[in-house]
PDB file of N, CA and C in Angstrom:
ATOM      1  N   UNK A   1       0.807  -1.189   0.000  1.00  0.00           N
ATOM      2  CA  UNK A   1       0.000   0.000   0.000  1.00  0.00           C
ATOM      3  C   UNK A   1       0.859   1.265   0.000  1.00  0.00           C
ATOM      4  N   UNK A   2       1.999   1.243   0.651  1.00  0.00           N
ATOM      5  CA  UNK A   2       2.867   2.409   0.700  1.00  0.00           C
ATOM      6  C   UNK A   2       4.128   2.186  -0.131  1.00  0.00           C
ATOM      7  N   UNK A   3       4.076   1.335  -1.109  1.00  0.00           N
ATOM      8  CA  UNK A   3       5.231   1.046  -1.941  1.00  0.00           C
ATOM      9  C   UNK A   3       5.691   2.243  -2.748  1.00  0.00           C
ATOM     10  N   UNK A   4       4.775   3.127  -3.103  1.00  0.00           N
ATOM     11  CA  UNK A   4       5.133   4.296  -3.891  1.00  0.00           C
ATOM     12  C   UNK A   4       6.066   5.229  -3.149  1.00  0.00           C
ATOM     13  N   UNK A   5       5.813   5.462  -1.879  1.00  0.00           N
ATOM     14  CA  UNK A   5       6.672   6.352  -1.101  1.00  0.00           C
ATOM     15  C   UNK A   5       8.033   5.717  -0.833  1.00  0.00           C
ATOM     16  N   UNK A   6       8.053   4.410  -0.628  1.00  0.00           N
ATOM     17  CA  UNK A   6       9.315   3.735  -0.400  1.00  0.00           C
ATOM     18  C   UNK A   6      10.191   3.833  -1.645  1.00  0.00           C
ATOM     19  N   UNK A   7       9.601   3.617  -2.802  1.00  0.00           N
ATOM     20  CA  UNK A   7      10.365   3.729  -4.037  1.00  0.00           C
ATOM     21  C   UNK A   7      10.770   5.169  -4.309  1.00  0.00           C
ATOM     22  N   UNK A   8       9.961   6.118  -3.915  1.00  0.00           N
ATOM     23  CA  UNK A   8      10.282   7.530  -4.077  1.00  0.00           C
ATOM     24  C   UNK A   8      11.500   7.895  -3.240  1.00  0.00           C
ATOM     25  N   UNK A   9      11.549   7.442  -2.007  1.00  0.00           N
ATOM     26  CA  UNK A   9      12.696   7.719  -1.142  1.00  0.00           C
ATOM     27  C   UNK A   9      13.948   7.026  -1.650  1.00  0.00           C
ATOM     28  N   UNK A  10      13.811   5.843  -2.173  1.00  0.00           N
ATOM     29  CA  UNK A  10      14.951   5.117  -2.704  1.00  0.00           C
ATOM     30  C   UNK A  10      15.532   5.842  -3.920  1.00  0.00           C
ATOM     31  N   UNK A  11      14.683   6.394  -4.763  1.00  0.00           N
ATOM     32  CA  UNK A  11      15.149   7.125  -5.936  1.00  0.00           C
ATOM     33  C   UNK A  11      15.861   8.414  -5.546  1.00  0.00           C
ATOM     34  N   UNK A  12      15.452   9.029  -4.458  1.00  0.00           N
ATOM     35  CA  UNK A  12      16.067  10.268  -4.011  1.00  0.00           C
ATOM     36  C   UNK A  12      17.459  10.016  -3.456  1.00  0.00           C
ATOM     37  N   UNK A  13      17.678   8.858  -2.852  1.00  0.00           N
ATOM     38  CA  UNK A  13      18.954   8.574  -2.218  1.00  0.00           C
ATOM     39  C   UNK A  13      20.073   8.266  -3.206  1.00  0.00           C
ATOM     40  N   UNK A  14      19.771   8.118  -4.478  1.00  0.00           N
ATOM     41  CA  UNK A  14      20.810   7.856  -5.470  1.00  0.00           C
ATOM     42  C   UNK A  14      21.695   9.077  -5.625  1.00  0.00           C
ATOM     43  N   UNK A  15      23.024   8.860  -5.594  1.00  0.00           N
ATOM     44  CA  UNK A  15      23.949   9.983  -5.743  1.00  0.00           C
ATOM     45  C   UNK A  15      24.121  10.375  -7.202  1.00  0.00           C
ATOM     46  N   UNK A  16      24.199   9.412  -8.083  1.00  0.00           N
ATOM     47  CA  UNK A  16      24.449   9.701  -9.486  1.00  0.00           C
ATOM     48  C   UNK A  16      23.122   9.982 -10.171  1.00  0.00           C
ATOM     49  N   UNK A  17      23.060  11.114 -10.804  1.00  0.00           N
ATOM     50  CA  UNK A  17      21.819  11.562 -11.413  1.00  0.00           C
ATOM     51  C   UNK A  17      22.140  12.174 -12.767  1.00  0.00           C
ATOM     52  N   UNK A  18      21.353  11.816 -13.764  1.00  0.00           N
ATOM     53  CA  UNK A  18      21.528  12.409 -15.089  1.00  0.00           C
ATOM     54  C   UNK A  18      20.224  13.077 -15.500  1.00  0.00           C
ATOM     55  N   UNK A  19      20.361  14.214 -16.117  1.00  0.00           N
ATOM     56  CA  UNK A  19      19.187  14.937 -16.585  1.00  0.00           C
ATOM     57  C   UNK A  19      18.677  14.331 -17.882  1.00  0.00           C
ATOM     58  N   UNK A  20      17.365  14.244 -18.002  1.00  0.00           N
ATOM     59  CA  UNK A  20      16.768  13.785 -19.233  1.00  0.00           C
ATOM     60  C   UNK A  20      16.325  14.974 -20.068  1.00  0.00           C
ATOM     61  N   UNK A  21      15.876  14.699 -21.271  1.00  0.00           N
ATOM     62  CA  UNK A  21      15.446  15.761 -22.166  1.00  0.00           C
ATOM     63  C   UNK A  21      14.242  16.495 -21.570  1.00  0.00           C
ATOM     64  N   UNK A  22      14.309  17.815 -21.571  1.00  0.00           N
ATOM     65  CA  UNK A  22      13.226  18.619 -21.030  1.00  0.00           C
ATOM     66  C   UNK A  22      13.343  18.903 -19.549  1.00  0.00           C
ATOM     67  N   UNK A  23      14.397  18.397 -18.891  1.00  0.00           N
ATOM     68  CA  UNK A  23      14.594  18.644 -17.471  1.00  0.00           C
ATOM     69  C   UNK A  23      15.721  19.643 -17.269  1.00  0.00           C
ATOM     70  N   UNK A  24      15.625  20.411 -16.222  1.00  0.00           N
ATOM     71  CA  UNK A  24      16.696  21.338 -15.881  1.00  0.00           C
ATOM     72  C   UNK A  24      16.753  21.515 -14.369  1.00  0.00           C
ATOM     73  N   UNK A  25      17.884  22.019 -13.907  1.00  0.00           N
ATOM     74  CA  UNK A  25      18.084  22.257 -12.489  1.00  0.00           C
ATOM     75  C   UNK A  25      17.747  23.714 -12.212  1.00  0.00           C
ATOM     76  N   UNK A  26      16.911  23.937 -11.210  1.00  0.00           N
ATOM     77  CA  UNK A  26      16.509  25.294 -10.845  1.00  0.00           C
ATOM     78  C   UNK A  26      16.591  25.466  -9.340  1.00  0.00           C
ATOM     79  N   UNK A  27      16.705  26.712  -8.909  1.00  0.00           N
ATOM     80  CA  UNK A  27      16.792  27.034  -7.491  1.00  0.00           C
ATOM     81  C   UNK A  27      15.465  27.607  -7.019  1.00  0.00           C
ATOM     82  N   UNK A  28      15.039  27.191  -5.842  1.00  0.00           N
ATOM     83  CA  UNK A  28      13.771  27.664  -5.274  1.00  0.00           C
ATOM     84  C   UNK A  28      13.974  29.068  -4.707  1.00  0.00           C
ATOM     85  N   UNK A  29      13.162  29.997  -5.162  1.00  0.00           N
ATOM     86  CA  UNK A  29      13.230  31.378  -4.689  1.00  0.00           C
ATOM     87  C   UNK A  29      12.198  31.686  -3.619  1.00  0.00           C
ATOM     88  N   UNK A  30      10.994  31.157  -3.804  1.00  0.00           N
ATOM     89  CA  UNK A  30       9.907  31.532  -2.904  1.00  0.00           C
ATOM     90  C   UNK A  30       8.868  30.417  -2.859  1.00  0.00           C
ATOM     91  N   UNK A  31       8.271  30.226  -1.697  1.00  0.00           N
ATOM     92  CA  UNK A  31       7.162  29.292  -1.542  1.00  0.00           C
ATOM     93  C   UNK A  31       5.884  30.106  -1.617  1.00  0.00           C
ATOM     94  N   UNK A  32       5.082  29.894  -2.638  1.00  0.00           N
ATOM     95  CA  UNK A  32       3.908  30.724  -2.881  1.00  0.00           C
ATOM     96  C   UNK A  32       2.666  30.252  -2.139  1.00  0.00           C
ATOM     97  N   UNK A  33       2.724  29.082  -1.547  1.00  0.00           N
ATOM     98  CA  UNK A  33       1.560  28.564  -0.845  1.00  0.00           C
ATOM     99  C   UNK A  33       1.021  27.340  -1.551  1.00  0.00           C
ATOM    100  N   UNK A  34       0.370  26.489  -0.791  1.00  0.00           N
ATOM    101  CA  UNK A  34      -0.184  25.241  -1.285  1.00  0.00           C
ATOM    102  C   UNK A  34       0.937  24.422  -1.911  1.00  0.00           C
ATOM    103  N   UNK A  35       0.890  24.191  -3.202  1.00  0.00           N
ATOM    104  CA  UNK A  35       1.937  23.409  -3.850  1.00  0.00           C
ATOM    105  C   UNK A  35       2.592  24.181  -4.999  1.00  0.00           C
ATOM    106  N   UNK A  36       2.582  25.487  -4.926  1.00  0.00           N
ATOM    107  CA  UNK A  36       3.188  26.329  -5.947  1.00  0.00           C
ATOM    108  C   UNK A  36       4.464  26.956  -5.392  1.00  0.00           C
ATOM    109  N   UNK A  37       5.561  26.866  -6.159  1.00  0.00           N
ATOM    110  CA  UNK A  37       6.823  27.478  -5.767  1.00  0.00           C
ATOM    111  C   UNK A  37       7.351  28.319  -6.921  1.00  0.00           C
ATOM    112  N   UNK A  38       8.156  29.313  -6.592  1.00  0.00           N
ATOM    113  CA  UNK A  38       8.799  30.134  -7.615  1.00  0.00           C
ATOM    114  C   UNK A  38      10.240  29.671  -7.739  1.00  0.00           C
ATOM    115  N   UNK A  39      10.690  29.396  -8.975  1.00  0.00           N
ATOM    116  CA  UNK A  39      12.031  28.893  -9.230  1.00  0.00           C
ATOM    117  C   UNK A  39      12.754  29.790 -10.229  1.00  0.00           C
ATOM    118  N   UNK A  40      14.097  29.727 -10.186  1.00  0.00           N
ATOM    119  CA  UNK A  40      14.934  30.488 -11.103  1.00  0.00           C
ATOM    120  C   UNK A  40      15.889  29.534 -11.808  1.00  0.00           C
ATOM    121  N   UNK A  41      16.016  29.681 -13.138  1.00  0.00           N
ATOM    122  CA  UNK A  41      16.916  28.821 -13.893  1.00  0.00           C
ATOM    123  C   UNK A  41      18.305  29.450 -13.974  1.00  0.00           C
ATOM    124  N   UNK A  42      19.207  28.808 -14.729  1.00  0.00           N
ATOM    125  CA  UNK A  42      20.589  29.266 -14.833  1.00  0.00           C
ATOM    126  C   UNK A  42      20.699  30.607 -15.552  1.00  0.00           C
ATOM    127  N   UNK A  43      19.748  30.927 -16.402  1.00  0.00           N
ATOM    128  CA  UNK A  43      19.768  32.193 -17.145  1.00  0.00           C
ATOM    129  C   UNK A  43      19.242  33.355 -16.309  1.00  0.00           C
ATOM    130  N   UNK A  44      18.646  33.063 -15.176  1.00  0.00           N
ATOM    131  CA  UNK A  44      18.104  34.094 -14.307  1.00  0.00           C
ATOM    132  C   UNK A  44      16.618  34.326 -14.490  1.00  0.00           C
ATOM    133  N   UNK A  45      15.975  33.559 -15.351  1.00  0.00           N
ATOM    134  CA  UNK A  45      14.539  33.707 -15.580  1.00  0.00           C
ATOM    135  C   UNK A  45      13.774  32.992 -14.462  1.00  0.00           C
ATOM    136  N   UNK A  46      12.730  33.633 -13.984  1.00  0.00           N
ATOM    137  CA  UNK A  46      11.923  33.031 -12.929  1.00  0.00           C
ATOM    138  C   UNK A  46      10.608  32.519 -13.509  1.00  0.00           C
ATOM    139  N   UNK A  47      10.088  31.492 -12.894  1.00  0.00           N
ATOM    140  CA  UNK A  47       8.797  30.945 -13.288  1.00  0.00           C
ATOM    141  C   UNK A  47       8.182  30.228 -12.090  1.00  0.00           C
ATOM    142  N   UNK A  48       6.929  29.880 -12.226  1.00  0.00           N
ATOM    143  CA  UNK A  48       6.224  29.142 -11.185  1.00  0.00           C
ATOM    144  C   UNK A  48       6.229  27.659 -11.517  1.00  0.00           C
ATOM    145  N   UNK A  49       6.342  26.844 -10.491  1.00  0.00           N
ATOM    146  CA  UNK A  49       6.358  25.396 -10.670  1.00  0.00           C
ATOM    147  C   UNK A  49       5.422  24.748  -9.658  1.00  0.00           C
ATOM    148  N   UNK A  50       4.928  23.585 -10.016  1.00  0.00           N
ATOM    149  CA  UNK A  50       4.064  22.802  -9.128  1.00  0.00           C
ATOM    150  C   UNK A  50       4.917  21.798  -8.376  1.00  0.00           C
ATOM    151  N   UNK A  51       4.718  21.718  -7.075  1.00  0.00           N
ATOM    152  CA  UNK A  51       5.353  20.700  -6.239  1.00  0.00           C
ATOM    153  C   UNK A  51       4.319  19.612  -6.022  1.00  0.00           C
ATOM    154  N   UNK A  52       4.428  18.462  -6.718  1.00  0.00           N
ATOM    155  CA  UNK A  52       3.373  17.442  -6.694  1.00  0.00           C
ATOM    156  C   UNK A  52       3.043  16.936  -5.288  1.00  0.00           C
ATOM    157  N   UNK A  53       1.820  16.521  -5.125  1.00  0.00           N
ATOM    158  CA  UNK A  53       1.329  16.054  -3.832  1.00  0.00           C
ATOM    159  C   UNK A  53       2.047  14.797  -3.360  1.00  0.00           C
ATOM    160  N   UNK A  54       2.580  13.998  -4.271  1.00  0.00           N
ATOM    161  CA  UNK A  54       3.257  12.766  -3.856  1.00  0.00           C
ATOM    162  C   UNK A  54       4.535  13.058  -3.078  1.00  0.00           C
ATOM    163  N   UNK A  55       5.086  14.271  -3.206  1.00  0.00           N
ATOM    164  CA  UNK A  55       6.291  14.642  -2.467  1.00  0.00           C
ATOM    165  C   UNK A  55       5.991  15.299  -1.128  1.00  0.00           C
ATOM    166  N   UNK A  56       4.794  15.768  -0.902  1.00  0.00           N
ATOM    167  CA  UNK A  56       4.530  16.669   0.207  1.00  0.00           C
ATOM    168  C   UNK A  56       4.769  16.076   1.589  1.00  0.00           C
ATOM    169  N   UNK A  57       4.489  14.814   1.805  1.00  0.00           N
ATOM    170  CA  UNK A  57       4.695  14.246   3.133  1.00  0.00           C
ATOM    171  C   UNK A  57       6.035  13.533   3.278  1.00  0.00           C
ATOM    172  N   UNK A  58       6.760  13.367   2.188  1.00  0.00           N
ATOM    173  CA  UNK A  58       8.033  12.671   2.279  1.00  0.00           C
ATOM    174  C   UNK A  58       9.233  13.581   2.098  1.00  0.00           C
ATOM    175  N   UNK A  59       9.075  14.739   1.459  1.00  0.00           N
ATOM    176  CA  UNK A  59      10.175  15.672   1.247  1.00  0.00           C
ATOM    177  C   UNK A  59       9.737  17.077   1.612  1.00  0.00           C
ATOM    178  N   UNK A  60      10.664  17.815   2.156  1.00  0.00           N
ATOM    179  CA  UNK A  60      10.400  19.199   2.511  1.00  0.00           C
ATOM    180  C   UNK A  60      11.309  20.086   1.690  1.00  0.00           C
ATOM    181  N   UNK A  61      10.785  21.221   1.273  1.00  0.00           N
ATOM    182  CA  UNK A  61      11.606  22.159   0.527  1.00  0.00           C
ATOM    183  C   UNK A  61      11.620  23.492   1.247  1.00  0.00           C
ATOM    184  N   UNK A  62      12.682  24.239   1.011  1.00  0.00           N
ATOM    185  CA  UNK A  62      12.775  25.592   1.546  1.00  0.00           C
ATOM    186  C   UNK A  62      13.498  26.444   0.514  1.00  0.00           C
ATOM    187  N   UNK A  63      13.499  27.729   0.714  1.00  0.00           N
ATOM    188  CA  UNK A  63      14.110  28.611  -0.264  1.00  0.00           C
ATOM    189  C   UNK A  63      15.617  28.388  -0.313  1.00  0.00           C
ATOM    190  N   UNK A  64      16.162  28.461  -1.515  1.00  0.00           N
ATOM    191  CA  UNK A  64      17.594  28.307  -1.705  1.00  0.00           C
ATOM    192  C   UNK A  64      18.035  26.925  -2.136  1.00  0.00           C
ATOM    193  N   UNK A  65      17.183  25.905  -2.012  1.00  0.00           N
ATOM    194  CA  UNK A  65      17.602  24.563  -2.419  1.00  0.00           C
ATOM    195  C   UNK A  65      17.404  24.397  -3.924  1.00  0.00           C
ATOM    196  N   UNK A  66      18.009  23.363  -4.471  1.00  0.00           N
ATOM    197  CA  UNK A  66      17.922  23.095  -5.898  1.00  0.00           C
ATOM    198  C   UNK A  66      16.973  21.931  -6.154  1.00  0.00           C
ATOM    199  N   UNK A  67      16.207  22.044  -7.226  1.00  0.00           N
ATOM    200  CA  UNK A  67      15.261  21.009  -7.626  1.00  0.00           C
ATOM    201  C   UNK A  67      15.427  20.746  -9.116  1.00  0.00           C
ATOM    202  N   UNK A  68      15.026  19.557  -9.526  1.00  0.00           N
ATOM    203  CA  UNK A  68      14.989  19.218 -10.945  1.00  0.00           C
ATOM    204  C   UNK A  68      13.551  19.372 -11.401  1.00  0.00           C
ATOM    205  N   UNK A  69      13.346  20.156 -12.445  1.00  0.00           N
ATOM    206  CA  UNK A  69      11.996  20.396 -12.943  1.00  0.00           C
ATOM    207  C   UNK A  69      11.882  19.956 -14.392  1.00  0.00           C
ATOM    208  N   UNK A  70      10.680  19.551 -14.750  1.00  0.00           N
ATOM    209  CA  UNK A  70      10.357  19.222 -16.129  1.00  0.00           C
ATOM    210  C   UNK A  70       9.727  20.465 -16.737  1.00  0.00           C
ATOM    211  N   UNK A  71      10.493  21.155 -17.571  1.00  0.00           N
ATOM    212  CA  UNK A  71      10.007  22.407 -18.141  1.00  0.00           C
ATOM    213  C   UNK A  71       9.759  22.290 -19.636  1.00  0.00           C
ATOM    214  N   UNK A  72       9.347  21.109 -20.062  1.00  0.00           N
ATOM    215  CA  UNK A  72       9.109  20.900 -21.497  1.00  0.00           C
ATOM    216  C   UNK A  72       7.912  21.696 -22.002  1.00  0.00           C
ATOM    217  N   UNK A  73       6.946  22.010 -21.165  1.00  0.00           N
ATOM    218  CA  UNK A  73       5.781  22.764 -21.591  1.00  0.00           C
ATOM    219  C   UNK A  73       5.820  24.216 -21.166  1.00  0.00           C
ATOM    220  N   UNK A  74       7.010  24.712 -20.882  1.00  0.00           N
ATOM    221  CA  UNK A  74       7.151  26.073 -20.366  1.00  0.00           C
ATOM    222  C   UNK A  74       6.748  27.136 -21.391  1.00  0.00           C
ATOM    223  N   UNK A  75       7.187  26.979 -22.629  1.00  0.00           N
ATOM    224  CA  UNK A  75       6.842  27.967 -23.659  1.00  0.00           C
ATOM    225  C   UNK A  75       5.348  27.954 -23.967  1.00  0.00           C
ATOM    226  N   UNK A  76       4.773  26.760 -24.018  1.00  0.00           N
ATOM    227  CA  UNK A  76       3.329  26.656 -24.270  1.00  0.00           C
ATOM    228  C   UNK A  76       2.532  27.350 -23.174  1.00  0.00           C
ATOM    229  N   UNK A  77       2.973  27.214 -21.947  1.00  0.00           N
ATOM    230  CA  UNK A  77       2.257  27.821 -20.827  1.00  0.00           C
ATOM    231  C   UNK A  77       2.302  29.345 -20.910  1.00  0.00           C
ATOM    232  N   UNK A  78       3.446  29.891 -21.253  1.00  0.00           N
ATOM    233  CA  UNK A  78       3.542  31.349 -21.332  1.00  0.00           C
ATOM    234  C   UNK A  78       2.760  31.895 -22.518  1.00  0.00           C
ATOM    235  N   UNK A  79       2.728  31.149 -23.620  1.00  0.00           N
ATOM    236  CA  UNK A  79       1.967  31.602 -24.785  1.00  0.00           C
ATOM    237  C   UNK A  79       0.461  31.566 -24.533  1.00  0.00           C
ATOM    238  N   UNK A  80       0.012  30.564 -23.795  1.00  0.00           N
ATOM    239  CA  UNK A  80      -1.427  30.437 -23.557  1.00  0.00           C
ATOM    240  C   UNK A  80      -1.900  31.281 -22.373  1.00  0.00           C
ATOM    241  N   UNK A  81      -0.970  31.885 -21.643  1.00  0.00           N
ATOM    242  CA  UNK A  81      -1.361  32.751 -20.542  1.00  0.00           C
ATOM    243  C   UNK A  81      -1.374  32.089 -19.183  1.00  0.00           C
ATOM    244  N   UNK A  82      -1.001  30.813 -19.110  1.00  0.00           N
ATOM    245  CA  UNK A  82      -0.948  30.148 -17.803  1.00  0.00           C
ATOM    246  C   UNK A  82       0.294  30.618 -17.047  1.00  0.00           C
ATOM    247  N   UNK A  83       0.184  30.687 -15.754  1.00  0.00           N
ATOM    248  CA  UNK A  83       1.308  31.152 -14.958  1.00  0.00           C
ATOM    249  C   UNK A  83       2.259  30.032 -14.579  1.00  0.00           C
ATOM    250  N   UNK A  84       1.733  28.841 -14.350  1.00  0.00           N
ATOM    251  CA  UNK A  84       2.551  27.699 -13.934  1.00  0.00           C
ATOM    252  C   UNK A  84       2.998  26.937 -15.172  1.00  0.00           C
ATOM    253  N   UNK A  85       4.322  26.790 -15.332  1.00  0.00           N
ATOM    254  CA  UNK A  85       4.821  26.131 -16.531  1.00  0.00           C
ATOM    255  C   UNK A  85       5.752  24.977 -16.270  1.00  0.00           C
ATOM    256  N   UNK A  86       6.056  24.655 -15.013  1.00  0.00           N
ATOM    257  CA  UNK A  86       7.017  23.602 -14.686  1.00  0.00           C
ATOM    258  C   UNK A  86       6.446  22.674 -13.621  1.00  0.00           C
ATOM    259  N   UNK A  87       7.009  21.471 -13.573  1.00  0.00           N
ATOM    260  CA  UNK A  87       6.630  20.491 -12.555  1.00  0.00           C
ATOM    261  C   UNK A  87       7.909  19.953 -11.923  1.00  0.00           C
ATOM    262  N   UNK A  88       7.980  19.955 -10.605  1.00  0.00           N
ATOM    263  CA  UNK A  88       9.145  19.440  -9.893  1.00  0.00           C
ATOM    264  C   UNK A  88       9.150  17.923 -10.003  1.00  0.00           C
ATOM    265  N   UNK A  89      10.284  17.357 -10.442  1.00  0.00           N
ATOM    266  CA  UNK A  89      10.398  15.906 -10.545  1.00  0.00           C
ATOM    267  C   UNK A  89      11.289  15.313  -9.468  1.00  0.00           C
ATOM    268  N   UNK A  90      12.226  16.123  -8.936  1.00  0.00           N
ATOM    269  CA  UNK A  90      13.104  15.612  -7.896  1.00  0.00           C
ATOM    270  C   UNK A  90      13.679  16.766  -7.086  1.00  0.00           C
ATOM    271  N   UNK A  91      13.867  16.531  -5.799  1.00  0.00           N
ATOM    272  CA  UNK A  91      14.521  17.493  -4.919  1.00  0.00           C
ATOM    273  C   UNK A  91      15.968  17.039  -4.770  1.00  0.00           C
ATOM    274  N   UNK A  92      16.904  17.949  -4.985  1.00  0.00           N
ATOM    275  CA  UNK A  92      18.324  17.613  -4.876  1.00  0.00           C
ATOM    276  C   UNK A  92      18.830  17.965  -3.489  1.00  0.00           C
ATOM    277  N   UNK A  93      19.546  17.023  -2.876  1.00  0.00           N
ATOM    278  CA  UNK A  93      20.123  17.251  -1.569  1.00  0.00           C
ATOM    279  C   UNK A  93      21.561  17.726  -1.706  1.00  0.00           C
ATOM    280  N   UNK A  94      22.160  18.127  -0.603  1.00  0.00           N
ATOM    281  CA  UNK A  94      23.473  18.753  -0.594  1.00  0.00           C
ATOM    282  C   UNK A  94      24.527  17.913  -1.314  1.00  0.00           C
ATOM    283  N   UNK A  95      24.592  16.618  -1.016  1.00  0.00           N
ATOM    284  CA  UNK A  95      25.594  15.749  -1.641  1.00  0.00           C
ATOM    285  C   UNK A  95      25.374  15.636  -3.148  1.00  0.00           C
ATOM    286  N   UNK A  96      24.127  15.547  -3.576  1.00  0.00           N
ATOM    287  CA  UNK A  96      23.825  15.456  -4.999  1.00  0.00           C
ATOM    288  C   UNK A  96      24.200  16.746  -5.723  1.00  0.00           C
ATOM    289  N   UNK A  97      23.996  17.886  -5.084  1.00  0.00           N
ATOM    290  CA  UNK A  97      24.356  19.169  -5.691  1.00  0.00           C
ATOM    291  C   UNK A  97      25.865  19.262  -5.861  1.00  0.00           C
ATOM    292  N   UNK A  98      26.622  18.829  -4.864  1.00  0.00           N
ATOM    293  CA  UNK A  98      28.095  18.874  -4.953  1.00  0.00           C
ATOM    294  C   UNK A  98      28.606  18.006  -6.093  1.00  0.00           C
ATOM    295  N   UNK A  99      28.031  16.823  -6.269  1.00  0.00           N
ATOM    296  CA  UNK A  99      28.449  15.935  -7.354  1.00  0.00           C
ATOM    297  C   UNK A  99      28.070  16.552  -8.702  1.00  0.00           C
ATOM    298  N   UNK A 100      26.882  17.118  -8.801  1.00  0.00           N
ATOM    299  CA  UNK A 100      26.431  17.710 -10.065  1.00  0.00           C
ATOM    300  C   UNK A 100      27.188  18.981 -10.435  1.00  0.00           C
ATOM    301  N   UNK A 101      27.674  19.743  -9.460  1.00  0.00           N
ATOM    302  CA  UNK A 101      28.410  20.953  -9.757  1.00  0.00           C
ATOM    303  C   UNK A 101      29.732  20.653 -10.449  1.00  0.00           C
ATOM    304  N   UNK A 102      30.266  19.479 -10.220  1.00  0.00           N
ATOM    305  CA  UNK A 102      31.512  19.083 -10.869  1.00  0.00           C
ATOM    306  C   UNK A 102      31.295  18.496 -12.255  1.00  0.00           C
ATOM    307  N   UNK A 103      30.065  18.184 -12.590  1.00  0.00           N
ATOM    308  CA  UNK A 103      29.747  17.573 -13.892  1.00  0.00           C
ATOM    309  C   UNK A 103      29.416  18.662 -14.914  1.00  0.00           C
ATOM    310  N   UNK A 104      29.462  18.317 -16.202  1.00  0.00           N
ATOM    311  CA  UNK A 104      29.135  19.317 -17.238  1.00  0.00           C
ATOM    312  C   UNK A 104      27.653  19.643 -17.330  1.00  0.00           C
ATOM    313  N   UNK A 105      26.784  18.883 -16.683  1.00  0.00           N
ATOM    314  CA  UNK A 105      25.342  19.141 -16.732  1.00  0.00           C
ATOM    315  C   UNK A 105      24.970  20.393 -15.952  1.00  0.00           C
ATOM    316  N   UNK A 106      25.810  20.836 -15.040  1.00  0.00           N
ATOM    317  CA  UNK A 106      25.514  21.988 -14.211  1.00  0.00           C
ATOM    318  C   UNK A 106      25.650  23.203 -15.053  1.00  0.00           C
TER     319      UNK A 106
END
């Protein structure tokens, strides 16, 4: 019954992480309430992202941490007038950030 959360925690504990197509690393700027957060990408552009409900009781986020977001529909969202254009797929912890900063994906 709780296999989903166990597998979610196991996936988070992996040190080696590779970005897939449409994913990028962003920094959390502000918690807007409920499950909406404001994030900033490497270019300095800010956008709103959804923090899915499946993460809410197993992971905590605060301003300044790094997350992996799926921003494949970001341009479509801005063209259609929607404010939220990204979805958080993973929260990066301190050790994962240090390993990724040394890689070319950063």
